[in-house]
């Protein structure tokens, strides 16, 4: 259910005519329904009732501070792919220990920033990245919490630009070497293995 409805051929967001908002602030504009977002989050959480979980909103979906604040205040975690998203997330009220750092191409500066901030974990995309995080954590005298993103080599039969779980994609470590990758991670003294992605 969403809270965008037509009443007598006029579009409403919740109980406000969209035309009234357009007249007051001008066009174009983005309009979000607080009630719709909180309702969808509630339904999603109910599916996992009784399971220890952390639902993370993907910052790359929308970094509007009002949207981020809504999800932070609802107790969500945040999935980020950059230092900028980490900054916006903490500004919006996400606790660092509820932030997961995913994505390829993490820079040294971003890794250091995330370690200093005290994020929940890094989702590691490659052995080279794992070693870099280990080095940076050692330099900062910290232990980096990591999970390894395992690429399952599964074809989702969707648009090729949005498929991320095929062996040919740049994301994650192949499932055929995942166990070896965890063994390597266990040997690195500045990492703390906390999960699988």
Foldseek 3Di string as FASTA:
>chain_A
DAQWDDDPNFTDHNNHTVVVVCVVPNDDDDDDHLVRVVVVVVVVVVVQPPHDDAAADECVVDLDLVVLLSCQVVRHAHEYAALVSVVSNVVSPHQQQRYEHEHPDYDLVSLLVSVVSPHNAYADFDLVSLVSNLVSLVVVVAAGEYAFEEQAQDDPPDPPVPDARHPPHSGTDYPVCRVVSVVVSVPRPRYDYDYYD
